[in-house]
PDB file of N, CA and C in Angstrom:
ATOM      1  N   MET A   1      39.230  73.687  83.116  1.00  0.00           N
ATOM      2  CA  MET A   1      39.416  75.023  82.124  1.00  0.00           C
ATOM      3  C   MET A   1      40.653  75.733  82.660  1.00  0.00           C
ATOM      4  N   LYS A   2      40.795  75.819  84.004  1.00  0.00           N
ATOM      5  CA  LYS A   2      42.097  76.607  84.491  1.00  0.00           C
ATOM      6  C   LYS A   2      43.282  76.139  84.001  1.00  0.00           C
ATOM      7  N   VAL A   3      43.617  74.779  83.896  1.00  0.00           N
ATOM      8  CA  VAL A   3      44.784  74.102  83.383  1.00  0.00           C
ATOM      9  C   VAL A   3      44.977  74.565  81.999  1.00  0.00           C
ATOM     10  N   LEU A   4      43.945  74.454  81.227  1.00  0.00           N
ATOM     11  CA  LEU A   4      44.160  74.662  79.788  1.00  0.00           C
ATOM     12  C   LEU A   4      44.523  76.118  79.651  1.00  0.00           C
ATOM     13  N   GLU A   5      43.896  77.102  80.325  1.00  0.00           N
ATOM     14  CA  GLU A   5      44.270  78.556  80.223  1.00  0.00           C
ATOM     15  C   GLU A   5      45.748  78.770  80.584  1.00  0.00           C
ATOM     16  N   LYS A   6      46.173  78.071  81.716  1.00  0.00           N
ATOM     17  CA  LYS A   6      47.527  78.205  82.087  1.00  0.00           C
ATOM     18  C   LYS A   6      48.561  77.705  81.127  1.00  0.00           C
ATOM     19  N   VAL A   7      48.263  76.592  80.603  1.00  0.00           N
ATOM     20  CA  VAL A   7      49.191  76.018  79.584  1.00  0.00           C
ATOM     21  C   VAL A   7      49.239  76.907  78.267  1.00  0.00           C
ATOM     22  N   ILE A   8      48.095  77.487  77.815  1.00  0.00           N
ATOM     23  CA  ILE A   8      47.994  78.428  76.784  1.00  0.00           C
ATOM     24  C   ILE A   8      48.849  79.672  77.142  1.00  0.00           C
ATOM     25  N   ARG A   9      48.613  80.240  78.228  1.00  0.00           N
ATOM     26  CA  ARG A   9      49.401  81.502  78.561  1.00  0.00           C
ATOM     27  C   ARG A   9      50.764  81.228  78.673  1.00  0.00           C
ATOM     28  N   ASP A  10      51.134  80.043  79.321  1.00  0.00           N
ATOM     29  CA  ASP A  10      52.623  79.827  79.282  1.00  0.00           C
ATOM     30  C   ASP A  10      53.361  79.534  78.119  1.00  0.00           C
ATOM     31  N   ALA A  11      52.635  78.941  77.123  1.00  0.00           N
ATOM     32  CA  ALA A  11      53.092  78.598  75.833  1.00  0.00           C
ATOM     33  C   ALA A  11      53.257  79.947  75.031  1.00  0.00           C
ATOM     34  N   VAL A  12      52.207  80.906  75.216  1.00  0.00           N
ATOM     35  CA  VAL A  12      52.369  82.231  74.452  1.00  0.00           C
ATOM     36  C   VAL A  12      53.501  83.080  75.059  1.00  0.00           C
ATOM     37  N   ALA A  13      53.594  82.971  76.344  1.00  0.00           N
ATOM     38  CA  ALA A  13      54.662  83.753  77.008  1.00  0.00           C
ATOM     39  C   ALA A  13      56.015  83.251  76.590  1.00  0.00           C
ATOM     40  N   ALA A  14      56.203  81.951  76.376  1.00  0.00           N
ATOM     41  CA  ALA A  14      57.508  81.293  76.061  1.00  0.00           C
ATOM     42  C   ALA A  14      57.650  81.270  74.649  1.00  0.00           C
ATOM     43  N   ASP A  15      56.705  81.693  73.864  1.00  0.00           N
ATOM     44  CA  ASP A  15      56.767  81.593  72.334  1.00  0.00           C
ATOM     45  C   ASP A  15      56.864  80.016  71.843  1.00  0.00           C
ATOM     46  N   LYS A  16      56.164  79.200  72.573  1.00  0.00           N
ATOM     47  CA  LYS A  16      56.217  77.656  72.232  1.00  0.00           C
ATOM     48  C   LYS A  16      54.775  77.300  71.678  1.00  0.00           C
ATOM     49  N   TYR A  17      54.339  78.002  70.741  1.00  0.00           N
ATOM     50  CA  TYR A  17      53.041  77.746  70.008  1.00  0.00           C
ATOM     51  C   TYR A  17      53.005  78.137  68.688  1.00  0.00           C
ATOM     52  N   LYS A  18      52.124  77.722  67.907  1.00  0.00           N
ATOM     53  CA  LYS A  18      51.878  78.104  66.641  1.00  0.00           C
ATOM     54  C   LYS A  18      50.390  78.346  66.488  1.00  0.00           C
ATOM     55  N   SER A  19      49.963  79.400  65.748  1.00  0.00           N
ATOM     56  CA  SER A  19      48.544  79.626  65.734  1.00  0.00           C
ATOM     57  C   SER A  19      48.076  79.765  64.338  1.00  0.00           C
ATOM     58  N   GLY A  20      46.854  79.305  63.976  1.00  0.00           N
ATOM     59  CA  GLY A  20      46.377  79.358  62.642  1.00  0.00           C
ATOM     60  C   GLY A  20      46.373  78.006  61.914  1.00  0.00           C
ATOM     61  N   VAL A  21      45.441  77.661  61.152  1.00  0.00           N
ATOM     62  CA  VAL A  21      45.423  76.233  60.700  1.00  0.00           C
ATOM     63  C   VAL A  21      46.677  75.826  59.813  1.00  0.00           C
ATOM     64  N   LYS A  22      47.120  76.750  58.971  1.00  0.00           N
ATOM     65  CA  LYS A  22      48.224  76.404  58.158  1.00  0.00           C
ATOM     66  C   LYS A  22      49.390  76.212  58.983  1.00  0.00           C
ATOM     67  N   GLU A  23      49.774  77.022  60.023  1.00  0.00           N
ATOM     68  CA  GLU A  23      51.047  76.847  60.859  1.00  0.00           C
ATOM     69  C   GLU A  23      50.795  75.658  61.563  1.00  0.00           C
ATOM     70  N   VAL A  24      49.553  75.356  62.088  1.00  0.00           N
ATOM     71  CA  VAL A  24      49.438  74.210  62.978  1.00  0.00           C
ATOM     72  C   VAL A  24      49.637  73.021  62.223  1.00  0.00           C
ATOM     73  N   LEU A  25      49.199  72.858  60.901  1.00  0.00           N
ATOM     74  CA  LEU A  25      49.338  71.704  60.101  1.00  0.00           C
ATOM     75  C   LEU A  25      50.886  71.476  59.758  1.00  0.00           C
ATOM     76  N   GLN A  26      51.526  72.502  59.591  1.00  0.00           N
ATOM     77  CA  GLN A  26      52.937  72.544  59.254  1.00  0.00           C
ATOM     78  C   GLN A  26      53.789  72.040  60.446  1.00  0.00           C
ATOM     79  N   SER A  27      53.309  72.268  61.811  1.00  0.00           N
ATOM     80  CA  SER A  27      54.077  72.008  62.963  1.00  0.00           C
ATOM     81  C   SER A  27      53.546  70.872  63.790  1.00  0.00           C
ATOM     82  N   VAL A  28      52.717  69.856  63.223  1.00  0.00           N
ATOM     83  CA  VAL A  28      52.245  68.951  63.929  1.00  0.00           C
ATOM     84  C   VAL A  28      53.143  68.070  64.683  1.00  0.00           C
ATOM     85  N   LYS A  29      54.387  67.722  64.020  1.00  0.00           N
ATOM     86  CA  LYS A  29      55.426  66.853  64.464  1.00  0.00           C
ATOM     87  C   LYS A  29      55.750  67.038  65.904  1.00  0.00           C
ATOM     88  N   GLY A  30      56.251  68.271  66.255  1.00  0.00           N
ATOM     89  CA  GLY A  30      56.680  68.485  67.499  1.00  0.00           C
ATOM     90  C   GLY A  30      55.707  69.074  68.535  1.00  0.00           C
ATOM     91  N   THR A  31      54.513  68.970  68.265  1.00  0.00           N
ATOM     92  CA  THR A  31      53.377  69.478  69.076  1.00  0.00           C
ATOM     93  C   THR A  31      52.840  68.586  70.207  1.00  0.00           C
ATOM     94  N   LYS A  32      52.612  69.040  71.394  1.00  0.00           N
ATOM     95  CA  LYS A  32      52.044  68.135  72.437  1.00  0.00           C
ATOM     96  C   LYS A  32      50.503  68.151  72.450  1.00  0.00           C
ATOM     97  N   LEU A  33      49.976  69.207  72.045  1.00  0.00           N
ATOM     98  CA  LEU A  33      48.397  69.460  71.945  1.00  0.00           C
ATOM     99  C   LEU A  33      47.960  70.329  70.924  1.00  0.00           C
ATOM    100  N   ILE A  34      46.861  70.068  70.288  1.00  0.00           N
ATOM    101  CA  ILE A  34      46.251  70.930  69.341  1.00  0.00           C
ATOM    102  C   ILE A  34      44.891  71.335  69.960  1.00  0.00           C
ATOM    103  N   ILE A  35      44.790  72.669  69.917  1.00  0.00           N
ATOM    104  CA  ILE A  35      43.466  73.224  70.501  1.00  0.00           C
ATOM    105  C   ILE A  35      42.714  73.886  69.337  1.00  0.00           C
ATOM    106  N   VAL A  36      41.483  73.532  69.213  1.00  0.00           N
ATOM    107  CA  VAL A  36      40.696  74.057  68.063  1.00  0.00           C
ATOM    108  C   VAL A  36      39.379  74.779  68.652  1.00  0.00           C
ATOM    109  N   SER A  37      38.975  75.924  68.203  1.00  0.00           N
ATOM    110  CA  SER A  37      37.734  76.649  68.625  1.00  0.00           C
ATOM    111  C   SER A  37      36.443  75.952  67.948  1.00  0.00           C
ATOM    112  N   LYS A  38      35.370  76.283  68.579  1.00  0.00           N
ATOM    113  CA  LYS A  38      34.054  75.779  68.084  1.00  0.00           C
ATOM    114  C   LYS A  38      33.957  76.247  66.639  1.00  0.00           C
ATOM    115  N   SER A  39      34.388  77.393  66.280  1.00  0.00           N
ATOM    116  CA  SER A  39      34.119  78.012  65.108  1.00  0.00           C
ATOM    117  C   SER A  39      35.068  77.778  63.885  1.00  0.00           C
ATOM    118  N   ILE A  40      35.776  76.624  64.013  1.00  0.00           N
ATOM    119  CA  ILE A  40      36.743  76.062  62.946  1.00  0.00           C
ATOM    120  C   ILE A  40      35.846  75.588  61.916  1.00  0.00           C
ATOM    121  N   ASP A  41      36.279  75.709  60.597  1.00  0.00           N
ATOM    122  CA  ASP A  41      35.690  75.063  59.468  1.00  0.00           C
ATOM    123  C   ASP A  41      35.721  73.636  59.526  1.00  0.00           C
ATOM    124  N   SER A  42      34.760  72.828  59.201  1.00  0.00           N
ATOM    125  CA  SER A  42      34.718  71.368  59.234  1.00  0.00           C
ATOM    126  C   SER A  42      35.775  70.763  58.350  1.00  0.00           C
ATOM    127  N   ALA A  43      36.155  71.242  57.191  1.00  0.00           N
ATOM    128  CA  ALA A  43      37.130  70.810  56.459  1.00  0.00           C
ATOM    129  C   ALA A  43      38.582  70.918  57.016  1.00  0.00           C
ATOM    130  N   ASP A  44      38.705  72.106  57.668  1.00  0.00           N
ATOM    131  CA  ASP A  44      39.954  72.407  58.369  1.00  0.00           C
ATOM    132  C   ASP A  44      40.209  71.509  59.472  1.00  0.00           C
ATOM    133  N   ARG A  45      38.951  71.248  60.294  1.00  0.00           N
ATOM    134  CA  ARG A  45      39.012  70.367  61.473  1.00  0.00           C
ATOM    135  C   ARG A  45      39.426  69.024  61.067  1.00  0.00           C
ATOM    136  N   ALA A  46      38.834  68.426  59.966  1.00  0.00           N
ATOM    137  CA  ALA A  46      39.022  67.087  59.482  1.00  0.00           C
ATOM    138  C   ALA A  46      40.528  66.933  59.177  1.00  0.00           C
ATOM    139  N   LYS A  47      41.137  67.920  58.524  1.00  0.00           N
ATOM    140  CA  LYS A  47      42.508  67.941  58.087  1.00  0.00           C
ATOM    141  C   LYS A  47      43.417  67.842  59.459  1.00  0.00           C
ATOM    142  N   LEU A  48      43.207  68.724  60.382  1.00  0.00           N
ATOM    143  CA  LEU A  48      43.888  68.742  61.664  1.00  0.00           C
ATOM    144  C   LEU A  48      43.842  67.420  62.368  1.00  0.00           C
ATOM    145  N   GLU A  49      42.553  66.991  62.432  1.00  0.00           N
ATOM    146  CA  GLU A  49      42.410  65.631  63.264  1.00  0.00           C
ATOM    147  C   GLU A  49      43.076  64.456  62.653  1.00  0.00           C
ATOM    148  N   GLU A  50      43.086  64.476  61.152  1.00  0.00           N
ATOM    149  CA  GLU A  50      43.902  63.360  60.512  1.00  0.00           C
ATOM    150  C   GLU A  50      45.315  63.531  60.647  1.00  0.00           C
ATOM    151  N   GLN A  51      45.873  64.729  60.661  1.00  0.00           N
ATOM    152  CA  GLN A  51      47.296  64.967  60.956  1.00  0.00           C
ATOM    153  C   GLN A  51      47.729  64.605  62.308  1.00  0.00           C
ATOM    154  N   ALA A  52      46.890  65.024  63.305  1.00  0.00           N
ATOM    155  CA  ALA A  52      47.180  64.684  64.601  1.00  0.00           C
ATOM    156  C   ALA A  52      47.077  63.260  64.984  1.00  0.00           C
ATOM    157  N   LYS A  53      46.180  62.607  64.475  1.00  0.00           N
ATOM    158  CA  LYS A  53      46.106  61.099  64.656  1.00  0.00           C
ATOM    159  C   LYS A  53      47.235  60.375  64.090  1.00  0.00           C
ATOM    160  N   ALA A  54      47.818  60.853  62.949  1.00  0.00           N
ATOM    161  CA  ALA A  54      49.019  60.255  62.366  1.00  0.00           C
ATOM    162  C   ALA A  54      50.261  60.557  63.202  1.00  0.00           C
ATOM    163  N   ALA A  55      50.299  61.741  63.836  1.00  0.00           N
ATOM    164  CA  ALA A  55      51.465  61.982  64.740  1.00  0.00           C
ATOM    165  C   ALA A  55      51.215  61.607  66.153  1.00  0.00           C
ATOM    166  N   ASN A  56      50.116  61.190  66.420  1.00  0.00           N
ATOM    167  CA  ASN A  56      49.632  60.676  67.732  1.00  0.00           C
ATOM    168  C   ASN A  56      49.625  61.999  68.857  1.00  0.00           C
ATOM    169  N   VAL A  57      48.918  62.937  68.306  1.00  0.00           N
ATOM    170  CA  VAL A  57      48.799  64.338  69.159  1.00  0.00           C
ATOM    171  C   VAL A  57      47.372  64.442  69.469  1.00  0.00           C
ATOM    172  N   ALA A  58      47.144  64.843  70.760  1.00  0.00           N
ATOM    173  CA  ALA A  58      45.707  64.984  71.237  1.00  0.00           C
ATOM    174  C   ALA A  58      45.199  66.261  70.652  1.00  0.00           C
ATOM    175  N   VAL A  59      43.872  66.152  70.328  1.00  0.00           N
ATOM    176  CA  VAL A  59      43.076  67.340  69.845  1.00  0.00           C
ATOM    177  C   VAL A  59      42.079  67.700  70.992  1.00  0.00           C
ATOM    178  N   TYR A  60      42.044  69.013  71.375  1.00  0.00           N
ATOM    179  CA  TYR A  60      41.077  69.417  72.314  1.00  0.00           C
ATOM    180  C   TYR A  60      40.209  70.473  71.702  1.00  0.00           C
ATOM    181  N   GLU A  61      38.885  70.428  71.855  1.00  0.00           N
ATOM    182  CA  GLU A  61      37.880  71.454  71.384  1.00  0.00           C
ATOM    183  C   GLU A  61      37.798  72.476  72.420  1.00  0.00           C
ATOM    184  N   TYR A  62      38.200  73.631  72.280  1.00  0.00           N
ATOM    185  CA  TYR A  62      37.945  74.767  73.055  1.00  0.00           C
ATOM    186  C   TYR A  62      36.462  75.173  73.028  1.00  0.00           C
ATOM    187  N   HIS A  63      35.974  75.351  74.227  1.00  0.00           N
ATOM    188  CA  HIS A  63      34.349  75.626  74.179  1.00  0.00           C
ATOM    189  C   HIS A  63      33.993  77.188  74.040  1.00  0.00           C
ATOM    190  N   GLY A  64      34.953  77.867  73.640  1.00  0.00           N
ATOM    191  CA  GLY A  64      34.622  79.163  73.163  1.00  0.00           C
ATOM    192  C   GLY A  64      34.853  79.377  71.661  1.00  0.00           C
ATOM    193  N   THR A  65      34.591  80.695  71.202  1.00  0.00           N
ATOM    194  CA  THR A  65      34.743  81.041  69.908  1.00  0.00           C
ATOM    195  C   THR A  65      36.207  81.312  69.563  1.00  0.00           C
ATOM    196  N   SER A  66      36.443  81.426  68.305  1.00  0.00           N
ATOM    197  CA  SER A  66      37.803  81.862  67.774  1.00  0.00           C
ATOM    198  C   SER A  66      38.284  83.249  68.365  1.00  0.00           C
ATOM    199  N   VAL A  67      37.283  84.166  68.608  1.00  0.00           N
ATOM    200  CA  VAL A  67      37.527  85.471  69.156  1.00  0.00           C
ATOM    201  C   VAL A  67      38.084  85.142  70.595  1.00  0.00           C
ATOM    202  N   GLN A  68      37.453  84.304  71.284  1.00  0.00           N
ATOM    203  CA  GLN A  68      37.774  84.073  72.818  1.00  0.00           C
ATOM    204  C   GLN A  68      39.104  83.461  72.795  1.00  0.00           C
ATOM    205  N   LEU A  69      39.398  82.600  71.845  1.00  0.00           N
ATOM    206  CA  LEU A  69      40.794  81.888  71.837  1.00  0.00           C
ATOM    207  C   LEU A  69      41.752  82.882  71.537  1.00  0.00           C
ATOM    208  N   GLY A  70      41.516  83.786  70.594  1.00  0.00           N
ATOM    209  CA  GLY A  70      42.468  84.695  70.334  1.00  0.00           C
ATOM    210  C   GLY A  70      42.799  85.722  71.554  1.00  0.00           C
ATOM    211  N   LYS A  71      41.855  86.027  72.280  1.00  0.00           N
ATOM    212  CA  LYS A  71      41.926  86.826  73.509  1.00  0.00           C
ATOM    213  C   LYS A  71      42.869  86.184  74.471  1.00  0.00           C
ATOM    214  N   LEU A  72      42.600  84.790  74.640  1.00  0.00           N
ATOM    215  CA  LEU A  72      43.313  83.967  75.583  1.00  0.00           C
ATOM    216  C   LEU A  72      44.864  83.980  75.270  1.00  0.00           C
ATOM    217  N   CYS A  73      45.045  84.070  73.930  1.00  0.00           N
ATOM    218  CA  CYS A  73      46.448  84.089  73.374  1.00  0.00           C
ATOM    219  C   CYS A  73      47.027  85.608  73.273  1.00  0.00           C
ATOM    220  N   ASN A  74      46.333  86.588  73.953  1.00  0.00           N
ATOM    221  CA  ASN A  74      46.731  87.898  73.893  1.00  0.00           C
ATOM    222  C   ASN A  74      46.837  88.493  72.401  1.00  0.00           C
ATOM    223  N   LYS A  75      45.959  88.060  71.493  1.00  0.00           N
ATOM    224  CA  LYS A  75      45.967  88.585  70.168  1.00  0.00           C
ATOM    225  C   LYS A  75      44.675  89.317  69.931  1.00  0.00           C
ATOM    226  N   PRO A  76      44.721  90.397  69.074  1.00  0.00           N
ATOM    227  CA  PRO A  76      43.491  91.142  68.828  1.00  0.00           C
ATOM    228  C   PRO A  76      42.754  90.579  67.553  1.00  0.00           C
ATOM    229  N   PHE A  77      43.020  89.311  67.282  1.00  0.00           N
ATOM    230  CA  PHE A  77      42.348  88.743  66.170  1.00  0.00           C
ATOM    231  C   PHE A  77      41.841  87.344  66.334  1.00  0.00           C
ATOM    232  N   ARG A  78      41.088  86.800  65.586  1.00  0.00           N
ATOM    233  CA  ARG A  78      40.462  85.415  65.977  1.00  0.00           C
ATOM    234  C   ARG A  78      41.529  84.326  65.658  1.00  0.00           C
ATOM    235  N   ILE A  79      41.466  83.339  66.454  1.00  0.00           N
ATOM    236  CA  ILE A  79      42.436  82.179  66.309  1.00  0.00           C
ATOM    237  C   ILE A  79      41.573  80.957  66.276  1.00  0.00           C
ATOM    238  N   THR A  80      41.481  80.170  65.233  1.00  0.00           N
ATOM    239  CA  THR A  80      40.682  78.940  65.223  1.00  0.00           C
ATOM    240  C   THR A  80      41.381  77.694  65.582  1.00  0.00           C
ATOM    241  N   ALA A  81      42.818  77.644  65.400  1.00  0.00           N
ATOM    242  CA  ALA A  81      43.527  76.674  65.897  1.00  0.00           C
ATOM    243  C   ALA A  81      44.815  76.962  66.435  1.00  0.00           C
ATOM    244  N   ILE A  82      45.451  76.391  67.484  1.00  0.00           N
ATOM    245  CA  ILE A  82      46.715  76.601  68.215  1.00  0.00           C
ATOM    246  C   ILE A  82      47.277  75.363  68.517  1.00  0.00           C
ATOM    247  N   ALA A  83      48.685  75.260  68.247  1.00  0.00           N
ATOM    248  CA  ALA A  83      49.505  74.011  68.445  1.00  0.00           C
ATOM    249  C   ALA A  83      50.250  74.443  69.663  1.00  0.00           C
ATOM    250  N   ILE A  84      50.300  73.628  70.817  1.00  0.00           N
ATOM    251  CA  ILE A  84      50.998  73.970  72.033  1.00  0.00           C
ATOM    252  C   ILE A  84      52.312  73.044  71.872  1.00  0.00           C
ATOM    253  N   LYS A  85      53.464  73.653  72.001  1.00  0.00           N
ATOM    254  CA  LYS A  85      54.668  72.928  72.051  1.00  0.00           C
ATOM    255  C   LYS A  85      55.358  72.725  73.379  1.00  0.00           C
ATOM    256  N   SER A  86      54.740  73.341  74.332  1.00  0.00           N
ATOM    257  CA  SER A  86      55.288  73.322  75.756  1.00  0.00           C
ATOM    258  C   SER A  86      54.148  72.658  76.580  1.00  0.00           C
ATOM    259  N   GLY A  87      54.444  72.527  77.934  1.00  0.00           N
ATOM    260  CA  GLY A  87      53.501  71.966  78.752  1.00  0.00           C
ATOM    261  C   GLY A  87      53.981  70.498  79.175  1.00  0.00           C
ATOM    262  N   THR A  88      53.725  70.173  80.412  1.00  0.00           N
ATOM    263  CA  THR A  88      54.280  68.818  80.825  1.00  0.00           C
ATOM    264  C   THR A  88      53.135  67.820  80.495  1.00  0.00           C
ATOM    265  N   ALA A  89      53.736  66.596  80.610  1.00  0.00           N
ATOM    266  CA  ALA A  89      52.614  65.536  80.173  1.00  0.00           C
ATOM    267  C   ALA A  89      51.518  65.404  81.126  1.00  0.00           C
ATOM    268  N   ALA A  90      51.707  65.793  82.496  1.00  0.00           N
ATOM    269  CA  ALA A  90      50.791  65.725  83.479  1.00  0.00           C
ATOM    270  C   ALA A  90      49.770  66.913  83.189  1.00  0.00           C
ATOM    271  N   GLU A  91      50.127  68.154  82.732  1.00  0.00           N
ATOM    272  CA  GLU A  91      49.150  69.184  82.348  1.00  0.00           C
ATOM    273  C   GLU A  91      48.392  68.686  81.130  1.00  0.00           C
ATOM    274  N   ILE A  92      48.931  68.179  80.142  1.00  0.00           N
ATOM    275  CA  ILE A  92      48.199  67.592  78.839  1.00  0.00           C
ATOM    276  C   ILE A  92      47.194  66.610  79.332  1.00  0.00           C
ATOM    277  N   GLU A  93      47.701  65.648  80.190  1.00  0.00           N
ATOM    278  CA  GLU A  93      46.636  64.655  80.702  1.00  0.00           C
ATOM    279  C   GLU A  93      45.528  65.161  81.430  1.00  0.00           C
ATOM    280  N   ALA A  94      45.800  66.213  82.290  1.00  0.00           N
ATOM    281  CA  ALA A  94      44.726  67.014  83.068  1.00  0.00           C
ATOM    282  C   ALA A  94      43.586  67.514  82.085  1.00  0.00           C
ATOM    283  N   ILE A  95      44.210  68.207  81.048  1.00  0.00           N
ATOM    284  CA  ILE A  95      43.321  68.827  80.028  1.00  0.00           C
ATOM    285  C   ILE A  95      42.483  67.837  79.430  1.00  0.00           C
ATOM    286  N   MET A  96      43.002  66.647  78.942  1.00  0.00           N
ATOM    287  CA  MET A  96      42.249  65.574  78.339  1.00  0.00           C
ATOM    288  C   MET A  96      41.311  64.975  79.210  1.00  0.00           C
ATOM    289  N   ALA A  97      41.640  64.928  80.567  1.00  0.00           N
ATOM    290  CA  ALA A  97      40.806  64.166  81.455  1.00  0.00           C
ATOM    291  C   ALA A  97      39.526  65.114  81.715  1.00  0.00           C
ATOM    292  N   GLU A  98      39.761  66.453  81.665  1.00  0.00           N
ATOM    293  CA  GLU A  98      38.662  67.412  81.780  1.00  0.00           C
ATOM    294  C   GLU A  98      37.762  67.296  80.596  1.00  0.00           C
ATOM    295  N   LYS A  99      38.414  66.973  79.352  1.00  0.00           N
ATOM    296  CA  LYS A  99      37.536  67.027  78.253  1.00  0.00           C
ATOM    297  C   LYS A  99      36.678  65.661  78.449  1.00  0.00           C
ATOM    298  N   GLU A 100      37.305  64.483  78.857  1.00  0.00           N
ATOM    299  CA  GLU A 100      36.577  63.230  78.998  1.00  0.00           C
ATOM    300  C   GLU A 100      35.319  63.452  80.072  1.00  0.00           C
ATOM    301  N   ALA A 101      35.649  64.178  81.192  1.00  0.00           N
ATOM    302  CA  ALA A 101      34.664  64.422  82.173  1.00  0.00           C
ATOM    303  C   ALA A 101      33.515  65.231  81.561  1.00  0.00           C
ATOM    304  N   ALA A 102      33.849  66.185  80.772  1.00  0.00           N
ATOM    305  CA  ALA A 102      32.706  67.119  80.250  1.00  0.00           C
ATOM    306  C   ALA A 102      31.931  66.325  79.200  1.00  0.00           C
ATOM    307  N   ALA A 103      32.598  65.402  78.540  1.00  0.00           N
ATOM    308  CA  ALA A 103      31.862  64.582  77.402  1.00  0.00           C
ATOM    309  C   ALA A 103      30.886  63.417  78.244  1.00  0.00           C
ATOM    310  N   ALA A 104      31.210  63.158  79.336  1.00  0.00           N
ATOM    311  CA  ALA A 104      30.583  62.049  80.201  1.00  0.00           C
ATOM    312  C   ALA A 104      29.268  62.809  80.605  1.00  0.00           C
ATOM    313  N   LYS A 105      29.301  64.021  80.883  1.00  0.00           N
ATOM    314  CA  LYS A 105      27.979  64.614  81.513  1.00  0.00           C
ATOM    315  C   LYS A 105      26.746  64.681  80.563  1.00  0.00           C
TER     316      LYS A 105
END
């Protein structure tokens, strides 16, 4: 979880992210990782996953709500999806490995 938070904070600080389902869908091409909150609408989630699969981008489900994801991005509103455009391959792999480990439990 620490790696994920660091990557999100770095992306927000460097302005290398897009938030919101519409913006994320429009910017899938240059994205390294898409993070969705647990409270995302199932139709929006399906659209995002389809686009991400086509562009070969990993999708990570954040274990918090959209309010918590918004706070992590230093925003006073809910964020259901965020596209990260920065972050090294090693950081992205660490986040996805964390996801696999959590799923195996």
